[in-house]
Protein backbone atom coordinates (compact mmCIF):
# COMPACT_ATOMS: atom_id res chain seq x y z
CA UNK A 1 -46.44 106.29 -111.68
CA UNK A 2 -46.58 104.91 -115.17
CA UNK A 3 -49.27 102.54 -114.86
CA UNK A 4 -47.62 99.98 -116.94
CA UNK A 5 -44.92 99.48 -114.53
CA UNK A 6 -44.19 95.77 -113.23
CA UNK A 7 -43.29 94.37 -109.98
CA UNK A 8 -42.33 91.01 -108.34
CA UNK A 9 -42.84 90.52 -104.71
CA UNK A 10 -41.94 87.60 -103.25
CA UNK A 11 -43.96 86.14 -100.21
CA UNK A 12 -47.13 87.82 -101.56
CA UNK A 13 -49.87 85.32 -100.39
CA UNK A 14 -50.36 86.79 -97.27
CA UNK A 15 -49.09 89.64 -94.77
CA UNK A 16 -46.65 92.28 -96.01
CA UNK A 17 -46.41 90.98 -99.36
CA UNK A 18 -49.68 90.89 -100.25
CA UNK A 19 -50.13 94.32 -98.62
CA UNK A 20 -47.58 95.80 -100.94
CA UNK A 21 -49.04 93.94 -103.98
CA UNK A 22 -52.29 95.44 -103.35
CA UNK A 23 -51.07 98.93 -103.18
CA UNK A 24 -48.99 98.68 -106.05
CA UNK A 25 -52.30 97.71 -108.15
CA UNK A 26 -54.30 100.21 -106.65
CA UNK A 27 -51.86 102.85 -107.88
CA UNK A 28 -51.92 101.10 -111.31
CA UNK A 29 -49.15 99.06 -111.46
CA UNK A 30 -48.79 95.36 -112.49
CA UNK A 31 -47.80 92.50 -110.13
CA UNK A 32 -46.14 89.19 -110.41
CA UNK A 33 -46.86 87.15 -107.11
CA UNK A 34 -44.71 84.71 -105.73
CA UNK A 35 -45.09 82.24 -103.01
CA UNK A 36 -45.09 78.41 -102.49
CA UNK A 37 -48.78 78.09 -101.73
CA UNK A 38 -50.25 77.98 -105.21
CA UNK A 39 -54.04 78.06 -104.15
CA UNK A 40 -53.76 81.02 -101.94
CA UNK A 41 -51.58 83.01 -104.29
CA UNK A 42 -54.20 82.23 -107.11
CA UNK A 43 -56.69 83.63 -104.81
CA UNK A 44 -54.79 86.56 -104.22
CA UNK A 45 -54.09 87.15 -107.82
CA UNK A 46 -58.05 87.03 -108.28
CA UNK A 47 -58.59 89.70 -105.53
CA UNK A 48 -56.36 92.04 -106.87
CA UNK A 49 -57.41 91.31 -110.66
CA UNK A 50 -56.36 89.03 -113.22
CA UNK A 51 -55.60 91.83 -115.53
CA UNK A 52 -53.08 93.20 -113.08
CA UNK A 53 -51.98 90.47 -111.08
CA UNK A 54 -50.49 86.98 -111.95
CA UNK A 55 -49.40 84.41 -109.69
CA UNK A 56 -45.86 82.81 -110.09
CA UNK A 57 -45.91 79.71 -107.62
CA UNK A 58 -42.39 79.20 -106.33
CA UNK A 59 -40.35 78.41 -103.53
CA UNK A 60 -37.60 80.72 -103.00
CA UNK A 61 -35.54 77.77 -101.74
CA UNK A 62 -35.20 76.87 -105.29
CA UNK A 63 -32.38 79.13 -106.28
CA UNK A 64 -32.63 77.66 -110.20
CA UNK A 65 -36.19 78.87 -110.31
CA UNK A 66 -35.33 82.10 -108.73
CA UNK A 67 -33.04 82.77 -111.14
CA UNK A 68 -35.07 82.26 -114.16
CA UNK A 69 -37.80 84.22 -112.62
CA UNK A 70 -37.29 87.93 -113.90
CA UNK A 71 -37.00 86.56 -117.30
CA UNK A 72 -40.39 84.45 -117.09
CA UNK A 73 -41.70 87.50 -115.59
CA UNK A 74 -40.61 89.83 -118.49
CA UNK A 75 -41.92 87.40 -120.79
CA UNK A 76 -45.25 87.65 -119.51
CA UNK A 77 -45.69 91.51 -118.77
CA UNK A 78 -43.38 92.81 -121.32
CA UNK A 79 -41.23 94.69 -118.60
CA UNK A 80 -39.69 94.65 -115.25
CA UNK A 81 -39.42 97.43 -112.99
CA UNK A 82 -38.93 96.79 -109.28
CA UNK A 83 -38.44 93.60 -107.15
CA UNK A 84 -39.34 93.54 -103.61
CA UNK A 85 -37.87 90.68 -101.75
CA UNK A 86 -40.07 89.93 -98.79
CA UNK A 87 -40.27 86.23 -98.34
CA UNK A 88 -38.75 85.48 -95.07
CA UNK A 89 -38.04 82.56 -92.29
CA UNK A 90 -37.71 82.76 -88.74
CA UNK A 91 -36.79 79.80 -86.29
CA UNK A 92 -37.25 81.23 -82.90
CA UNK A 93 -35.20 79.99 -79.96
CA UNK A 94 -31.80 79.15 -78.79
CA UNK A 95 -29.52 78.33 -81.66
CA UNK A 96 -29.01 74.61 -80.02
CA UNK A 97 -32.59 73.94 -80.21
CA UNK A 98 -32.34 73.62 -83.96
CA UNK A 99 -30.23 71.57 -86.26
CA UNK A 100 -27.80 73.05 -88.66
CA UNK A 101 -29.85 72.65 -91.66
CA UNK A 102 -32.83 74.51 -90.16
CA UNK A 103 -30.48 77.36 -89.56
CA UNK A 104 -29.02 77.26 -93.02
CA UNK A 105 -32.73 77.18 -94.19
CA UNK A 106 -33.09 80.95 -92.58
CA UNK A 107 -30.24 81.95 -94.14
CA UNK A 108 -30.98 80.64 -97.56
CA UNK A 109 -34.49 82.33 -97.45
CA UNK A 110 -33.73 85.59 -96.07
CA UNK A 111 -30.50 86.09 -97.71
CA UNK A 112 -29.15 83.85 -100.34
CA UNK A 113 -32.24 84.11 -102.25
CA UNK A 114 -32.96 87.71 -102.31
CA UNK A 115 -28.85 87.73 -103.36
CA UNK A 116 -30.08 85.52 -106.33
CA UNK A 117 -33.17 87.29 -107.10
CA UNK A 118 -31.58 90.68 -107.09
CA UNK A 119 -28.72 89.62 -109.20
CA UNK A 120 -30.96 87.81 -111.66
CA UNK A 121 -32.99 91.04 -112.25
CA UNK A 122 -30.49 93.53 -113.06
CA UNK A 123 -30.42 92.88 -116.62
CA UNK A 124 -34.18 93.31 -117.03
CA UNK A 125 -34.32 96.59 -114.92
CA UNK A 126 -33.63 99.86 -116.73
CA UNK A 127 -32.93 103.20 -115.41
CA UNK A 128 -35.29 103.96 -112.82
CA UNK A 129 -35.93 100.38 -111.61
CA UNK A 130 -35.69 99.29 -108.32
CA UNK A 131 -35.16 96.90 -105.59
CA UNK A 132 -36.45 96.68 -102.20
CA UNK A 133 -35.32 94.40 -99.29
CA UNK A 134 -37.45 93.84 -96.63
CA UNK A 135 -35.03 93.26 -93.92
CA UNK A 136 -35.93 93.93 -90.26
CA UNK A 137 -34.82 95.66 -87.04
CA UNK A 138 -33.07 92.66 -85.88
CA UNK A 139 -30.80 93.35 -88.77
CA UNK A 140 -29.95 96.56 -86.91
CA UNK A 141 -29.22 95.04 -83.75
CA UNK A 142 -29.21 91.37 -83.08
CA UNK A 143 -31.71 89.75 -80.75
CA UNK A 144 -31.07 87.02 -78.63
CA UNK A 145 -33.57 83.89 -79.74
CA UNK A 146 -33.20 85.03 -82.98
CA UNK A 147 -29.44 84.21 -84.06
CA UNK A 148 -29.73 83.19 -87.52
CA UNK A 149 -32.65 85.51 -88.38
CA UNK A 150 -30.94 88.51 -87.10
CA UNK A 151 -27.57 87.31 -89.11
CA UNK A 152 -29.62 87.04 -92.27
CA UNK A 153 -31.39 90.12 -91.96
CA UNK A 154 -27.87 92.33 -91.02
CA UNK A 155 -26.42 90.41 -94.06
CA UNK A 156 -29.54 91.81 -96.40
CA UNK A 157 -28.84 95.28 -95.26
CA UNK A 158 -25.24 94.72 -95.99
CA UNK A 159 -26.02 93.54 -99.52
CA UNK A 160 -28.33 96.41 -100.42
CA UNK A 161 -25.97 98.81 -98.92
CA UNK A 162 -22.95 97.48 -100.87
CA UNK A 163 -24.90 96.49 -104.09
CA UNK A 164 -26.79 100.22 -104.49
CA UNK A 165 -23.12 101.58 -105.15
CA UNK A 166 -22.39 98.94 -107.69
CA UNK A 167 -25.52 99.95 -109.83
CA UNK A 168 -25.93 103.48 -109.19
CA UNK A 169 -24.23 104.52 -112.41
CA UNK A 170 -27.18 102.25 -114.24
CA UNK A 171 -29.78 104.45 -112.41
CA UNK A 172 -30.83 101.70 -110.30
CA UNK A 173 -31.89 102.07 -106.91
CA UNK A 174 -31.49 99.52 -104.11
CA UNK A 175 -32.82 100.26 -100.58
CA UNK A 176 -34.04 98.77 -97.45
CA UNK A 177 -37.19 98.36 -95.03
CA UNK A 178 -36.63 97.40 -91.52
CA UNK A 179 -39.75 96.88 -89.77
CA UNK A 180 -40.24 95.90 -86.01
CA UNK A 181 -42.95 93.38 -84.97
CA UNK A 182 -45.57 93.36 -87.52
CA UNK A 183 -49.22 92.00 -86.60
CA UNK A 184 -49.00 89.39 -89.21
CA UNK A 185 -49.04 85.47 -89.26
CA UNK A 186 -45.33 85.56 -89.46
CA UNK A 187 -45.28 86.49 -85.57
CA UNK A 188 -46.53 82.87 -84.90
CA UNK A 189 -46.87 81.47 -81.29
CA UNK A 190 -46.74 84.80 -79.22
CA UNK A 191 -44.96 82.57 -76.51
CA UNK A 192 -41.85 81.64 -78.77
CA UNK A 193 -41.69 85.43 -79.70
CA UNK A 194 -38.84 86.99 -77.70
CA UNK A 195 -40.09 89.55 -75.26
CA UNK A 196 -37.51 92.34 -76.23
CA UNK A 197 -39.15 92.13 -79.67
CA UNK A 198 -42.75 92.91 -78.10
CA UNK A 199 -41.13 95.88 -76.27
CA UNK A 200 -41.36 97.74 -79.61
CA UNK A 201 -44.68 99.02 -81.09
CA UNK A 202 -46.51 96.70 -83.00
CA UNK A 203 -47.16 98.12 -86.74
CA UNK A 204 -49.25 96.74 -89.53
CA UNK A 205 -48.61 95.34 -92.72
CA UNK A 206 -50.18 98.22 -94.79
CA UNK A 207 -47.81 100.44 -92.59
CA UNK A 208 -44.97 98.43 -94.07
CA UNK A 209 -46.19 98.54 -97.70
CA UNK A 210 -46.71 101.97 -97.58
CA UNK A 211 -42.61 102.25 -96.52
CA UNK A 212 -41.66 99.93 -99.16
CA UNK A 213 -43.64 102.37 -101.92
CA UNK A 214 -42.07 105.18 -100.35
CA UNK A 215 -38.55 103.61 -100.66
CA UNK A 216 -39.14 102.86 -104.25
CA UNK A 217 -40.88 106.38 -105.12
CA UNK A 218 -38.26 108.60 -103.29
CA UNK A 219 -35.46 106.15 -103.63
CA UNK A 220 -34.55 106.04 -100.21
CA UNK A 221 -31.50 103.76 -98.86
CA UNK A 222 -33.13 102.61 -95.48
CA UNK A 223 -36.54 103.23 -93.60
CA UNK A 224 -36.84 101.65 -90.51
CA UNK A 225 -40.11 101.85 -88.74
CA UNK A 226 -41.41 102.71 -86.08
CA UNK A 227 -38.88 105.29 -86.57
CA UNK A 228 -38.07 105.47 -82.98
CA UNK A 229 -37.53 101.83 -82.59
CA UNK A 230 -35.03 102.00 -85.50
CA UNK A 231 -33.30 104.92 -83.81
CA UNK A 232 -33.37 102.98 -80.52
CA UNK A 233 -31.66 99.73 -82.36
CA UNK A 234 -29.15 102.35 -83.93
CA UNK A 235 -27.93 103.48 -80.61
CA UNK A 236 -27.83 100.01 -79.24
CA UNK A 237 -25.74 98.68 -82.25
CA UNK A 238 -23.11 101.23 -81.68
CA UNK A 239 -22.98 101.44 -77.84
CA UNK A 240 -23.22 97.33 -76.64
CA UNK A 241 -22.67 98.64 -73.26
CA UNK A 242 -25.83 100.81 -73.43
CA UNK A 243 -27.98 97.75 -74.85
CA UNK A 244 -26.98 95.73 -72.00
CA UNK A 245 -28.27 98.28 -69.56
CA UNK A 246 -31.33 98.65 -71.17
CA UNK A 247 -31.90 95.36 -72.42
CA UNK A 248 -33.92 94.31 -68.88
CA UNK A 249 -36.21 97.44 -69.27
CA UNK A 250 -37.38 96.57 -72.60
CA UNK A 251 -37.64 92.84 -71.81
CA UNK A 252 -39.97 93.71 -68.92
CA UNK A 253 -42.24 96.13 -71.27
CA UNK A 254 -41.91 93.32 -74.00
CA UNK A 255 -43.62 90.77 -71.44
CA UNK A 256 -46.16 93.02 -70.28
CA UNK A 257 -46.95 93.59 -73.86
CA UNK A 258 -47.01 90.06 -74.58
CA UNK A 259 -49.41 89.28 -71.79
CA UNK A 260 -51.83 92.17 -72.76
CA UNK A 261 -51.62 90.26 -76.59
CA UNK A 262 -52.44 86.74 -75.48
CA UNK A 263 -55.13 87.88 -73.42
CA UNK A 264 -56.65 89.73 -76.41
CA UNK A 265 -56.10 86.74 -78.70
CA UNK A 266 -58.15 84.67 -76.01
CA UNK A 267 -60.82 87.09 -76.12
CA UNK A 268 -60.93 87.18 -79.67
């Protein structure tokens, strides 16, 4: 890889975003770290090395600031090559539990913000540039109890797929990575996580980061992980009757996994 390449990574103060930034800098790249909390972001930049990582504290809900970000990054580093839209938000539970504004915030964070940043970055990306959207298996098959989240991630996949055709003549790649449950703080309170989510194998933030870099390097349209879970999600989406039949089985498996995870947390 050209060691001077520059990436923007949102949600970079922890979890998947920080794992992506670490892998990117380890291979010689430079990174603009984006997240709301300045202290955590500055600490991450110091950990990664001030010569290669720079903190840009920013809330992705501030769409004007997000629009101006690629120009700021290009001015700081002299170029821009990659954008990883990773920042996310999820409110778990029945839709009636949340206000309209709370549900809109999920969609703005997970779908509107990535669209805005992707579009704002395009003038700064040259041939060979790449945009990766971190979506979810919930965007491949809707998850009850995560309606707004599922809708936002499905929309993000659709945007990536369509926009990729729009920019392919310029030699710019747009792809998606769709992970299942990831062992990070984003999971939050396990009691609130739908059982069906935990029916799938838990993966690490570093596994997702490796998939993001694979998506960039190989210019892949979409990577679902675990791969078997991605195939199952595709089958469930294409055959709703099949999805209804297997749902009780998956929920029972997820409930067992949840209890095991809760027990492990209590012991730690």
